[in-house]
């Protein structure tokens, strides 16, 4: 799903361990404990007089029962795409992840990390991803992930 507003665009998709699209379980289907999903986020700046924005932030609600895989987040920091990340673990079933990006420009910035199911969950609902300029939080855009099977 893609959302565009105030010069930003953000897209998100989930892939299973075989690289195929991962959708929300339906009916009696369950996200099983130990299941890993790769969350791909694409962020870019649109229609701006600036070539890029300094220090953008992505706030990512983690799917219920899932937790970010820190090794994959550490790899983003080591690769220079992300300056730092913060996992809010106040609620173990509904965690939030903040990713701080050096910049977002007109060339798409691709970020991918894994989340792992820690508790079997029925009736999962999509979660929200929000992209904003750290210096102008009012200029944010959000999208939902993942989509259900069509």
N, C-alpha and C. Protein backbone atom coordinates (compact mmCIF):
# COMPACT_ATOMS: atom_id res chain seq x y z
N UNK A 1 0.84 -1.16 0.00
CA UNK A 1 0.00 0.00 0.00
C UNK A 1 0.89 1.23 0.00
N UNK A 2 0.50 2.29 -0.75
CA UNK A 2 1.26 3.52 -0.85
C UNK A 2 0.43 4.68 -0.33
N UNK A 3 1.06 5.58 0.40
CA UNK A 3 0.39 6.79 0.85
C UNK A 3 1.33 7.95 0.56
N UNK A 4 0.79 9.05 0.00
CA UNK A 4 1.58 10.22 -0.31
C UNK A 4 0.90 11.46 0.24
N UNK A 5 1.65 12.33 0.89
CA UNK A 5 1.10 13.58 1.40
C UNK A 5 2.26 14.52 1.72
N UNK A 6 2.06 15.81 1.55
CA UNK A 6 3.01 16.83 1.94
C UNK A 6 4.44 16.51 1.53
N UNK A 7 4.64 15.97 0.34
CA UNK A 7 5.97 15.76 -0.17
C UNK A 7 6.64 14.44 0.18
N UNK A 8 6.02 13.60 1.00
CA UNK A 8 6.58 12.29 1.33
C UNK A 8 5.75 11.18 0.71
N UNK A 9 6.39 10.07 0.45
CA UNK A 9 5.71 8.86 0.03
C UNK A 9 6.28 7.72 0.86
N UNK A 10 5.40 6.82 1.33
CA UNK A 10 5.87 5.65 2.07
C UNK A 10 5.07 4.44 1.59
N UNK A 11 5.78 3.34 1.36
CA UNK A 11 5.17 2.08 0.96
C UNK A 11 5.68 1.00 1.91
N UNK A 12 4.86 -0.02 2.11
CA UNK A 12 5.28 -1.13 2.97
C UNK A 12 4.73 -2.43 2.42
N UNK A 13 5.53 -3.47 2.51
CA UNK A 13 5.07 -4.82 2.13
C UNK A 13 5.80 -5.82 3.00
N UNK A 14 5.18 -6.98 3.17
CA UNK A 14 5.77 -8.07 3.95
C UNK A 14 6.03 -9.26 3.04
N UNK A 15 7.18 -9.89 3.26
CA UNK A 15 7.53 -11.10 2.51
C UNK A 15 7.81 -12.22 3.50
N UNK A 16 7.41 -13.44 3.09
CA UNK A 16 7.69 -14.60 3.94
C UNK A 16 9.14 -15.03 3.76
N UNK A 17 9.53 -16.12 4.39
CA UNK A 17 10.92 -16.58 4.33
C UNK A 17 11.34 -17.04 2.95
N UNK A 18 10.36 -17.31 2.06
CA UNK A 18 10.67 -17.70 0.69
C UNK A 18 10.67 -16.51 -0.26
N UNK A 19 10.46 -15.29 0.28
CA UNK A 19 10.44 -14.10 -0.55
C UNK A 19 9.11 -13.85 -1.23
N UNK A 20 8.07 -14.57 -0.82
CA UNK A 20 6.75 -14.39 -1.40
C UNK A 20 5.93 -13.44 -0.52
N UNK A 21 4.96 -12.74 -1.12
CA UNK A 21 4.13 -11.83 -0.32
C UNK A 21 3.49 -12.56 0.86
N UNK A 22 3.55 -11.94 2.03
CA UNK A 22 2.95 -12.47 3.24
C UNK A 22 1.73 -11.64 3.56
N UNK A 23 0.62 -12.32 3.80
CA UNK A 23 -0.64 -11.64 4.07
C UNK A 23 -1.11 -11.99 5.47
N UNK A 24 -2.03 -11.19 5.96
CA UNK A 24 -2.62 -11.47 7.25
C UNK A 24 -3.32 -12.82 7.23
N UNK A 25 -3.13 -13.64 8.24
CA UNK A 25 -3.87 -14.90 8.32
C UNK A 25 -5.38 -14.62 8.42
N UNK A 26 -6.18 -15.48 7.78
CA UNK A 26 -7.63 -15.31 7.80
C UNK A 26 -8.29 -16.53 8.43
N UNK A 27 -9.49 -16.32 8.95
CA UNK A 27 -10.28 -17.43 9.49
C UNK A 27 -9.55 -18.14 10.61
N UNK A 28 -9.36 -19.45 10.44
CA UNK A 28 -8.69 -20.25 11.46
C UNK A 28 -7.17 -20.19 11.36
N UNK A 29 -6.65 -19.49 10.33
CA UNK A 29 -5.21 -19.36 10.20
C UNK A 29 -4.65 -18.56 11.36
N UNK A 30 -3.42 -18.88 11.74
CA UNK A 30 -2.77 -18.21 12.86
C UNK A 30 -1.34 -17.86 12.46
N UNK A 31 -0.86 -16.72 12.93
CA UNK A 31 0.56 -16.43 12.84
C UNK A 31 1.22 -17.30 13.90
N UNK A 32 2.06 -18.22 13.47
CA UNK A 32 2.65 -19.20 14.37
C UNK A 32 3.90 -18.68 15.07
N UNK A 33 4.07 -19.07 16.32
CA UNK A 33 5.26 -18.71 17.09
C UNK A 33 6.51 -19.15 16.32
N UNK A 34 7.48 -18.25 16.22
CA UNK A 34 8.72 -18.54 15.50
C UNK A 34 8.70 -18.13 14.04
N UNK A 35 7.53 -17.83 13.50
CA UNK A 35 7.42 -17.41 12.09
C UNK A 35 8.10 -16.06 11.92
N UNK A 36 8.92 -15.94 10.87
CA UNK A 36 9.60 -14.67 10.58
C UNK A 36 9.08 -14.09 9.28
N UNK A 37 8.93 -12.78 9.29
CA UNK A 37 8.45 -12.03 8.14
C UNK A 37 9.42 -10.87 7.93
N UNK A 38 9.73 -10.56 6.67
CA UNK A 38 10.58 -9.41 6.37
C UNK A 38 9.69 -8.25 5.98
N UNK A 39 9.84 -7.15 6.69
CA UNK A 39 9.08 -5.94 6.41
C UNK A 39 9.94 -5.03 5.55
N UNK A 40 9.44 -4.69 4.35
CA UNK A 40 10.12 -3.80 3.42
C UNK A 40 9.42 -2.45 3.43
N UNK A 41 10.18 -1.40 3.68
CA UNK A 41 9.63 -0.04 3.69
C UNK A 41 10.40 0.78 2.65
N UNK A 42 9.66 1.49 1.81
CA UNK A 42 10.26 2.40 0.83
C UNK A 42 9.79 3.81 1.16
N UNK A 43 10.74 4.71 1.35
CA UNK A 43 10.43 6.09 1.68
C UNK A 43 11.09 7.01 0.66
N UNK A 44 10.38 8.09 0.29
CA UNK A 44 11.00 9.08 -0.59
C UNK A 44 10.34 10.43 -0.45
N UNK A 45 11.09 11.44 -0.84
CA UNK A 45 10.64 12.82 -0.81
C UNK A 45 10.14 13.19 -2.19
N UNK A 46 8.96 13.79 -2.27
CA UNK A 46 8.36 14.17 -3.55
C UNK A 46 8.14 15.67 -3.62
N UNK A 47 8.22 16.20 -4.83
CA UNK A 47 7.83 17.59 -5.10
C UNK A 47 8.37 18.57 -4.07
N UNK A 48 9.64 18.52 -3.84
CA UNK A 48 10.25 19.41 -2.85
C UNK A 48 11.32 20.25 -3.50
N UNK A 49 11.52 21.45 -2.99
CA UNK A 49 12.60 22.30 -3.48
C UNK A 49 13.95 21.83 -2.95
N UNK A 50 13.93 20.99 -1.94
CA UNK A 50 15.15 20.44 -1.35
C UNK A 50 15.45 19.07 -1.97
N UNK A 51 16.73 18.74 -2.15
CA UNK A 51 17.06 17.41 -2.69
C UNK A 51 16.81 16.29 -1.69
N UNK A 52 16.84 16.64 -0.39
CA UNK A 52 16.60 15.62 0.64
C UNK A 52 16.22 16.33 1.94
N UNK A 53 15.72 15.54 2.86
CA UNK A 53 15.42 16.04 4.20
C UNK A 53 16.39 15.39 5.16
N UNK A 54 16.89 16.17 6.10
CA UNK A 54 17.82 15.64 7.10
C UNK A 54 17.06 14.92 8.20
N UNK A 55 17.59 13.83 8.65
CA UNK A 55 17.09 13.08 9.79
C UNK A 55 15.57 12.87 9.78
N UNK A 56 15.15 11.93 8.99
CA UNK A 56 13.74 11.52 8.96
C UNK A 56 13.53 10.40 9.97
N UNK A 57 12.28 10.22 10.38
CA UNK A 57 11.98 9.17 11.34
C UNK A 57 10.82 8.32 10.83
N UNK A 58 10.95 7.02 11.00
CA UNK A 58 9.87 6.09 10.71
C UNK A 58 9.41 5.50 12.03
N UNK A 59 8.12 5.68 12.34
CA UNK A 59 7.51 5.06 13.51
C UNK A 59 6.72 3.87 13.00
N UNK A 60 7.05 2.70 13.48
CA UNK A 60 6.45 1.47 12.98
C UNK A 60 5.79 0.71 14.13
N UNK A 61 4.47 0.59 14.06
CA UNK A 61 3.79 -0.28 15.01
C UNK A 61 4.08 -1.71 14.57
N UNK A 62 4.54 -2.52 15.48
CA UNK A 62 4.85 -3.91 15.16
C UNK A 62 3.56 -4.73 15.32
N UNK A 63 3.34 -5.65 14.40
CA UNK A 63 2.15 -6.50 14.47
C UNK A 63 2.01 -7.14 15.84
N UNK A 64 0.80 -7.27 16.32
CA UNK A 64 0.55 -7.91 17.62
C UNK A 64 1.18 -9.29 17.67
N UNK A 65 1.89 -9.56 18.76
CA UNK A 65 2.52 -10.86 18.94
C UNK A 65 3.88 -10.98 18.29
N UNK A 66 4.29 -9.99 17.49
CA UNK A 66 5.59 -10.01 16.81
C UNK A 66 6.55 -9.09 17.53
N UNK A 67 7.85 -9.30 17.28
CA UNK A 67 8.89 -8.43 17.82
C UNK A 67 9.96 -8.25 16.74
N UNK A 68 10.60 -7.09 16.68
CA UNK A 68 11.67 -6.89 15.69
C UNK A 68 12.86 -7.80 15.99
N UNK A 69 13.51 -8.29 14.94
CA UNK A 69 14.72 -9.09 15.06
C UNK A 69 15.89 -8.10 15.09
N UNK A 70 16.53 -7.97 16.24
CA UNK A 70 17.54 -6.92 16.41
C UNK A 70 18.76 -7.10 15.50
N UNK A 71 19.11 -8.33 15.15
CA UNK A 71 20.25 -8.53 14.23
C UNK A 71 20.00 -7.83 12.90
N UNK A 72 18.76 -7.88 12.40
CA UNK A 72 18.46 -7.24 11.12
C UNK A 72 18.46 -5.72 11.27
N UNK A 73 18.08 -5.20 12.44
CA UNK A 73 18.13 -3.76 12.69
C UNK A 73 19.58 -3.29 12.84
N UNK A 74 20.40 -4.09 13.52
CA UNK A 74 21.82 -3.76 13.67
C UNK A 74 22.50 -3.68 12.30
N UNK A 75 22.10 -4.54 11.37
CA UNK A 75 22.66 -4.52 10.02
C UNK A 75 22.30 -3.22 9.29
N UNK A 76 21.10 -2.68 9.52
CA UNK A 76 20.72 -1.39 8.93
C UNK A 76 21.60 -0.27 9.45
N UNK A 77 21.88 -0.29 10.75
CA UNK A 77 22.75 0.73 11.35
C UNK A 77 24.17 0.58 10.80
N UNK A 78 24.67 -0.65 10.75
CA UNK A 78 26.03 -0.90 10.24
C UNK A 78 26.16 -0.47 8.78
N UNK A 79 25.08 -0.63 8.02
CA UNK A 79 25.09 -0.26 6.61
C UNK A 79 24.92 1.23 6.36
N UNK A 80 24.62 2.00 7.41
CA UNK A 80 24.52 3.45 7.28
C UNK A 80 23.15 3.98 6.89
N UNK A 81 22.20 3.10 6.59
CA UNK A 81 20.86 3.58 6.23
C UNK A 81 20.13 4.19 7.42
N UNK A 82 20.35 3.59 8.58
CA UNK A 82 19.67 4.01 9.80
C UNK A 82 20.75 4.47 10.78
N UNK A 83 20.53 5.64 11.41
CA UNK A 83 21.52 6.12 12.38
C UNK A 83 21.34 5.43 13.72
N UNK A 84 20.07 5.19 14.10
CA UNK A 84 19.79 4.43 15.31
C UNK A 84 18.34 3.99 15.29
N UNK A 85 18.03 3.05 16.18
CA UNK A 85 16.66 2.58 16.32
C UNK A 85 16.33 2.46 17.79
N UNK A 86 15.03 2.50 18.08
CA UNK A 86 14.56 2.37 19.45
C UNK A 86 13.32 1.50 19.45
N UNK A 87 13.32 0.46 20.26
CA UNK A 87 12.17 -0.43 20.38
C UNK A 87 11.48 -0.12 21.70
N UNK A 88 10.22 0.27 21.61
CA UNK A 88 9.42 0.53 22.81
C UNK A 88 8.74 -0.79 23.17
N UNK A 89 9.20 -1.40 24.26
CA UNK A 89 8.69 -2.70 24.69
C UNK A 89 7.78 -2.60 25.89
N UNK A 90 7.17 -1.43 26.08
CA UNK A 90 6.27 -1.22 27.22
C UNK A 90 5.16 -2.26 27.23
N UNK A 91 4.60 -2.54 26.07
CA UNK A 91 3.55 -3.54 25.91
C UNK A 91 4.12 -4.67 25.05
N UNK A 92 4.38 -5.83 25.63
CA UNK A 92 5.02 -6.94 24.91
C UNK A 92 4.25 -7.41 23.68
N UNK A 93 2.94 -7.26 23.68
CA UNK A 93 2.15 -7.71 22.53
C UNK A 93 2.02 -6.64 21.46
N UNK A 94 2.21 -5.39 21.81
CA UNK A 94 2.06 -4.28 20.86
C UNK A 94 3.25 -3.34 20.97
N UNK A 95 4.35 -3.72 20.34
CA UNK A 95 5.57 -2.94 20.41
C UNK A 95 5.61 -1.87 19.32
N UNK A 96 6.44 -0.86 19.53
CA UNK A 96 6.66 0.17 18.53
C UNK A 96 8.15 0.28 18.27
N UNK A 97 8.50 0.49 17.01
CA UNK A 97 9.89 0.63 16.59
C UNK A 97 10.06 2.00 15.94
N UNK A 98 11.04 2.77 16.40
CA UNK A 98 11.39 4.04 15.78
C UNK A 98 12.72 3.86 15.08
N UNK A 99 12.74 4.21 13.79
CA UNK A 99 13.96 4.16 12.98
C UNK A 99 14.33 5.59 12.60
N UNK A 100 15.56 5.98 12.84
CA UNK A 100 16.03 7.32 12.49
C UNK A 100 16.93 7.21 11.27
N UNK A 101 16.52 7.85 10.17
CA UNK A 101 17.24 7.79 8.91
C UNK A 101 18.08 9.05 8.74
N UNK A 102 19.27 8.90 8.18
CA UNK A 102 20.12 10.07 7.93
C UNK A 102 19.39 11.10 7.06
N UNK A 103 18.73 10.61 6.03
CA UNK A 103 18.00 11.49 5.13
C UNK A 103 17.03 10.66 4.29
N UNK A 104 16.06 11.37 3.73
CA UNK A 104 15.17 10.80 2.73
C UNK A 104 15.19 11.76 1.56
N UNK A 105 15.52 11.27 0.38
CA UNK A 105 15.59 12.11 -0.81
C UNK A 105 14.60 11.68 -1.86
N UNK A 106 14.77 12.24 -3.06
CA UNK A 106 13.86 11.91 -4.16
C UNK A 106 14.12 10.50 -4.70
N UNK A 107 15.32 9.98 -4.47
CA UNK A 107 15.61 8.59 -4.81
C UNK A 107 15.07 7.72 -3.68
N UNK A 108 14.28 6.70 -3.99
CA UNK A 108 13.69 5.88 -2.92
C UNK A 108 14.73 5.29 -1.97
N UNK A 109 14.44 5.37 -0.69
CA UNK A 109 15.25 4.75 0.36
C UNK A 109 14.57 3.44 0.73
N UNK A 110 15.27 2.33 0.55
CA UNK A 110 14.73 1.00 0.81
C UNK A 110 15.28 0.47 2.13
N UNK A 111 14.37 0.08 3.01
CA UNK A 111 14.75 -0.47 4.31
C UNK A 111 14.03 -1.80 4.48
N UNK A 112 14.75 -2.81 4.94
CA UNK A 112 14.13 -4.11 5.19
C UNK A 112 14.68 -4.68 6.49
N UNK A 113 13.78 -5.21 7.31
CA UNK A 113 14.18 -5.86 8.55
C UNK A 113 13.16 -6.95 8.86
N UNK A 114 13.56 -7.85 9.72
CA UNK A 114 12.68 -8.97 10.07
C UNK A 114 11.94 -8.72 11.37
N UNK A 115 10.72 -9.29 11.40
CA UNK A 115 9.96 -9.36 12.64
C UNK A 115 9.64 -10.84 12.87
N UNK A 116 9.59 -11.24 14.13
CA UNK A 116 9.36 -12.64 14.47
C UNK A 116 8.15 -12.76 15.39
N UNK A 117 7.33 -13.77 15.11
CA UNK A 117 6.15 -14.02 15.93
C UNK A 117 6.59 -14.68 17.23
N UNK A 118 6.33 -14.02 18.35
CA UNK A 118 6.70 -14.54 19.67
C UNK A 118 5.51 -15.19 20.37
N UNK A 119 4.28 -14.85 19.94
CA UNK A 119 3.06 -15.39 20.53
C UNK A 119 2.10 -15.70 19.38
N UNK A 120 1.58 -16.92 19.32
CA UNK A 120 0.60 -17.26 18.27
C UNK A 120 -0.58 -16.29 18.38
N UNK A 121 -0.97 -15.72 17.23
CA UNK A 121 -2.01 -14.69 17.22
C UNK A 121 -3.07 -15.03 16.17
N UNK A 122 -4.34 -14.96 16.59
CA UNK A 122 -5.48 -15.09 15.69
C UNK A 122 -5.98 -13.69 15.36
N UNK A 123 -6.64 -13.54 14.22
CA UNK A 123 -7.31 -12.30 13.86
C UNK A 123 -6.39 -11.08 13.93
N UNK A 124 -5.22 -11.20 13.31
CA UNK A 124 -4.30 -10.06 13.25
C UNK A 124 -4.91 -8.91 12.48
N UNK A 125 -4.66 -7.71 12.93
CA UNK A 125 -5.08 -6.50 12.24
C UNK A 125 -3.84 -5.81 11.68
N UNK A 126 -3.99 -5.07 10.56
CA UNK A 126 -2.84 -4.33 10.03
C UNK A 126 -2.31 -3.33 11.06
N UNK A 127 -1.04 -2.99 10.91
CA UNK A 127 -0.39 -2.00 11.76
C UNK A 127 -0.01 -0.79 10.93
N UNK A 128 0.40 0.28 11.60
CA UNK A 128 0.68 1.55 10.95
C UNK A 128 2.18 1.83 10.89
N UNK A 129 2.59 2.43 9.78
CA UNK A 129 3.95 2.95 9.62
C UNK A 129 3.79 4.43 9.30
N UNK A 130 4.54 5.28 10.02
CA UNK A 130 4.48 6.72 9.78
C UNK A 130 5.88 7.25 9.49
N UNK A 131 5.99 8.06 8.45
CA UNK A 131 7.26 8.68 8.05
C UNK A 131 7.12 10.18 8.29
N UNK A 132 8.13 10.77 8.96
CA UNK A 132 8.09 12.22 9.17
C UNK A 132 9.50 12.79 9.16
N UNK A 133 9.56 14.08 8.90
CA UNK A 133 10.81 14.83 9.00
C UNK A 133 10.99 15.16 10.48
N UNK A 134 12.12 14.80 11.05
CA UNK A 134 12.34 15.02 12.49
C UNK A 134 12.24 16.49 12.88
N UNK A 135 12.56 17.39 11.93
CA UNK A 135 12.51 18.82 12.22
C UNK A 135 11.14 19.43 11.93
N UNK A 136 10.26 18.66 11.28
CA UNK A 136 8.92 19.15 10.95
C UNK A 136 7.93 17.99 11.10
N UNK A 137 7.61 17.59 12.35
CA UNK A 137 6.75 16.43 12.58
C UNK A 137 5.36 16.54 11.97
N UNK A 138 4.92 17.78 11.66
CA UNK A 138 3.60 17.95 11.04
C UNK A 138 3.59 17.46 9.61
N UNK A 139 4.75 17.33 8.99
CA UNK A 139 4.81 16.86 7.61
C UNK A 139 5.03 15.35 7.60
N UNK A 140 4.03 14.62 8.03
CA UNK A 140 4.16 13.16 8.11
C UNK A 140 3.17 12.49 7.17
N UNK A 141 3.43 11.25 6.89
CA UNK A 141 2.56 10.42 6.06
C UNK A 141 2.56 9.03 6.67
N UNK A 142 1.44 8.33 6.56
CA UNK A 142 1.37 6.98 7.14
C UNK A 142 0.72 6.02 6.17
N UNK A 143 0.95 4.74 6.42
CA UNK A 143 0.35 3.67 5.64
C UNK A 143 0.14 2.48 6.57
N UNK A 144 -0.64 1.53 6.11
CA UNK A 144 -0.90 0.31 6.89
C UNK A 144 -0.16 -0.87 6.24
N UNK A 145 0.24 -1.83 7.07
CA UNK A 145 0.84 -3.06 6.56
C UNK A 145 0.38 -4.20 7.44
N UNK A 146 0.43 -5.43 7.06
CA UNK A 146 0.34 -5.88 5.67
C UNK A 146 -1.12 -5.90 5.26
N UNK A 147 -1.33 -6.10 4.01
CA UNK A 147 -2.71 -6.19 3.52
C UNK A 147 -3.17 -7.63 3.62
N UNK A 148 -4.46 -7.80 3.73
CA UNK A 148 -5.03 -9.15 3.74
C UNK A 148 -5.03 -9.73 2.34
N UNK A 149 -5.26 -11.03 2.25
CA UNK A 149 -5.37 -11.65 0.93
C UNK A 149 -6.60 -11.13 0.23
N UNK A 150 -6.46 -10.89 -1.05
CA UNK A 150 -7.59 -10.35 -1.82
C UNK A 150 -8.43 -11.47 -2.37
